[in-house]
Amino acid sequence: MARIAYLKDQLARAERLAKAILDQQTAERLQAFAAECRTELQILSRRAA
C-alpha cells in the first residue's frame, strides 16, 4: 500500500509541475513520468483487488 500512495503522490506532483512549467521539454518529461506512474499504479491496483 505504501507504494500505491507514493505513486499517487508522484503522479499528482508531476502533473501539477507539467502544467506550471514553461520549458516544453521538461513538461513533456514530467508528463511521461506521470504516465509511467499511472501505468504502474493501475498494475498494482489490480493486484491489490
N, C-alpha and C. Protein backbone atom coordinates (compact mmCIF):
# COMPACT_ATOMS: atom_id res chain seq x y z
N MET A 1 0.80 -1.20 0.00
CA MET A 1 0.00 0.00 0.00
C MET A 1 0.85 1.27 0.00
N ALA A 2 2.01 1.21 0.61
CA ALA A 2 2.87 2.39 0.64
C ALA A 2 3.30 2.79 -0.76
N ARG A 3 3.55 1.81 -1.61
CA ARG A 3 3.96 2.10 -2.99
C ARG A 3 2.83 2.78 -3.76
N ILE A 4 1.60 2.35 -3.52
CA ILE A 4 0.46 2.96 -4.20
C ILE A 4 0.32 4.42 -3.79
N ALA A 5 0.44 4.71 -2.51
CA ALA A 5 0.35 6.09 -2.02
C ALA A 5 1.49 6.93 -2.60
N TYR A 6 2.68 6.35 -2.66
CA TYR A 6 3.83 7.06 -3.23
C TYR A 6 3.57 7.39 -4.70
N LEU A 7 3.08 6.43 -5.46
CA LEU A 7 2.82 6.66 -6.88
C LEU A 7 1.74 7.71 -7.10
N LYS A 8 0.70 7.69 -6.28
CA LYS A 8 -0.36 8.70 -6.39
C LYS A 8 0.21 10.09 -6.14
N ASP A 9 1.06 10.20 -5.13
CA ASP A 9 1.67 11.49 -4.80
C ASP A 9 2.58 11.97 -5.93
N GLN A 10 3.42 11.09 -6.45
CA GLN A 10 4.33 11.47 -7.53
C GLN A 10 3.57 11.83 -8.81
N LEU A 11 2.52 11.10 -9.08
CA LEU A 11 1.68 11.37 -10.25
C LEU A 11 1.07 12.76 -10.15
N ALA A 12 0.51 13.08 -9.01
CA ALA A 12 -0.11 14.40 -8.82
C ALA A 12 0.92 15.51 -8.93
N ARG A 13 2.09 15.32 -8.32
CA ARG A 13 3.14 16.33 -8.39
C ARG A 13 3.62 16.56 -9.81
N ALA A 14 3.87 15.47 -10.53
CA ALA A 14 4.37 15.59 -11.90
C ALA A 14 3.37 16.31 -12.79
N GLU A 15 2.09 15.97 -12.65
CA GLU A 15 1.08 16.63 -13.48
C GLU A 15 0.95 18.12 -13.13
N ARG A 16 1.02 18.43 -11.84
CA ARG A 16 0.94 19.82 -11.41
C ARG A 16 2.12 20.63 -11.96
N LEU A 17 3.32 20.07 -11.84
CA LEU A 17 4.51 20.76 -12.34
C LEU A 17 4.48 20.91 -13.85
N ALA A 18 4.02 19.87 -14.55
CA ALA A 18 3.98 19.92 -16.02
C ALA A 18 3.07 21.05 -16.51
N LYS A 19 2.02 21.33 -15.76
CA LYS A 19 1.11 22.41 -16.14
C LYS A 19 1.70 23.79 -15.85
N ALA A 20 2.52 23.85 -14.81
CA ALA A 20 3.03 25.15 -14.36
C ALA A 20 4.35 25.56 -15.01
N ILE A 21 5.08 24.61 -15.55
CA ILE A 21 6.43 24.89 -16.05
C ILE A 21 6.37 25.42 -17.49
N LEU A 22 7.28 26.29 -17.82
CA LEU A 22 7.29 26.91 -19.14
C LEU A 22 8.16 26.16 -20.15
N ASP A 23 9.16 25.44 -19.67
CA ASP A 23 10.05 24.70 -20.55
C ASP A 23 9.34 23.47 -21.12
N GLN A 24 9.14 23.44 -22.41
CA GLN A 24 8.36 22.39 -23.07
C GLN A 24 8.99 21.00 -22.88
N GLN A 25 10.29 20.91 -23.00
CA GLN A 25 10.96 19.61 -22.87
C GLN A 25 10.78 19.05 -21.45
N THR A 26 10.93 19.87 -20.47
CA THR A 26 10.75 19.44 -19.08
C THR A 26 9.30 19.05 -18.83
N ALA A 27 8.36 19.81 -19.37
CA ALA A 27 6.95 19.49 -19.22
C ALA A 27 6.63 18.13 -19.84
N GLU A 28 7.20 17.86 -21.00
CA GLU A 28 6.98 16.57 -21.66
C GLU A 28 7.57 15.42 -20.84
N ARG A 29 8.73 15.64 -20.26
CA ARG A 29 9.34 14.60 -19.42
C ARG A 29 8.50 14.35 -18.18
N LEU A 30 7.97 15.40 -17.59
CA LEU A 30 7.11 15.24 -16.42
C LEU A 30 5.82 14.50 -16.78
N GLN A 31 5.27 14.80 -17.94
CA GLN A 31 4.06 14.11 -18.39
C GLN A 31 4.35 12.63 -18.66
N ALA A 32 5.53 12.33 -19.20
CA ALA A 32 5.92 10.94 -19.44
C ALA A 32 6.09 10.20 -18.11
N PHE A 33 6.69 10.87 -17.14
CA PHE A 33 6.85 10.27 -15.82
C PHE A 33 5.49 10.01 -15.18
N ALA A 34 4.58 10.96 -15.32
CA ALA A 34 3.23 10.79 -14.77
C ALA A 34 2.54 9.59 -15.43
N ALA A 35 2.74 9.42 -16.73
CA ALA A 35 2.15 8.28 -17.43
C ALA A 35 2.74 6.96 -16.92
N GLU A 36 4.03 6.93 -16.66
CA GLU A 36 4.66 5.73 -16.11
C GLU A 36 4.10 5.41 -14.73
N CYS A 37 3.94 6.43 -13.91
CA CYS A 37 3.38 6.25 -12.57
C CYS A 37 1.95 5.72 -12.67
N ARG A 38 1.17 6.29 -13.59
CA ARG A 38 -0.21 5.87 -13.77
C ARG A 38 -0.29 4.40 -14.19
N THR A 39 0.59 3.99 -15.08
CA THR A 39 0.62 2.59 -15.53
C THR A 39 0.95 1.66 -14.38
N GLU A 40 1.99 1.99 -13.63
CA GLU A 40 2.38 1.15 -12.50
C GLU A 40 1.28 1.12 -11.44
N LEU A 41 0.64 2.24 -11.23
CA LEU A 41 -0.44 2.33 -10.26
C LEU A 41 -1.61 1.42 -10.66
N GLN A 42 -1.93 1.40 -11.94
CA GLN A 42 -3.01 0.52 -12.43
C GLN A 42 -2.65 -0.94 -12.21
N ILE A 43 -1.41 -1.30 -12.47
CA ILE A 43 -0.96 -2.69 -12.28
C ILE A 43 -1.06 -3.08 -10.81
N LEU A 44 -0.55 -2.22 -9.94
CA LEU A 44 -0.58 -2.52 -8.51
C LEU A 44 -2.01 -2.55 -7.96
N SER A 45 -2.87 -1.69 -8.48
CA SER A 45 -4.26 -1.67 -8.02
C SER A 45 -4.99 -2.95 -8.40
N ARG A 46 -4.68 -3.48 -9.56
CA ARG A 46 -5.30 -4.74 -9.98
C ARG A 46 -4.86 -5.89 -9.09
N ARG A 47 -3.58 -5.89 -8.72
CA ARG A 47 -3.04 -6.93 -7.84
C ARG A 47 -3.68 -6.87 -6.46
N ALA A 48 -3.90 -5.66 -5.96
CA ALA A 48 -4.44 -5.48 -4.62
C ALA A 48 -5.93 -5.83 -4.56
N ALA A 49 -6.62 -5.76 -5.69
CA ALA A 49 -8.07 -6.02 -5.72
C ALA A 49 -8.40 -7.47 -5.64
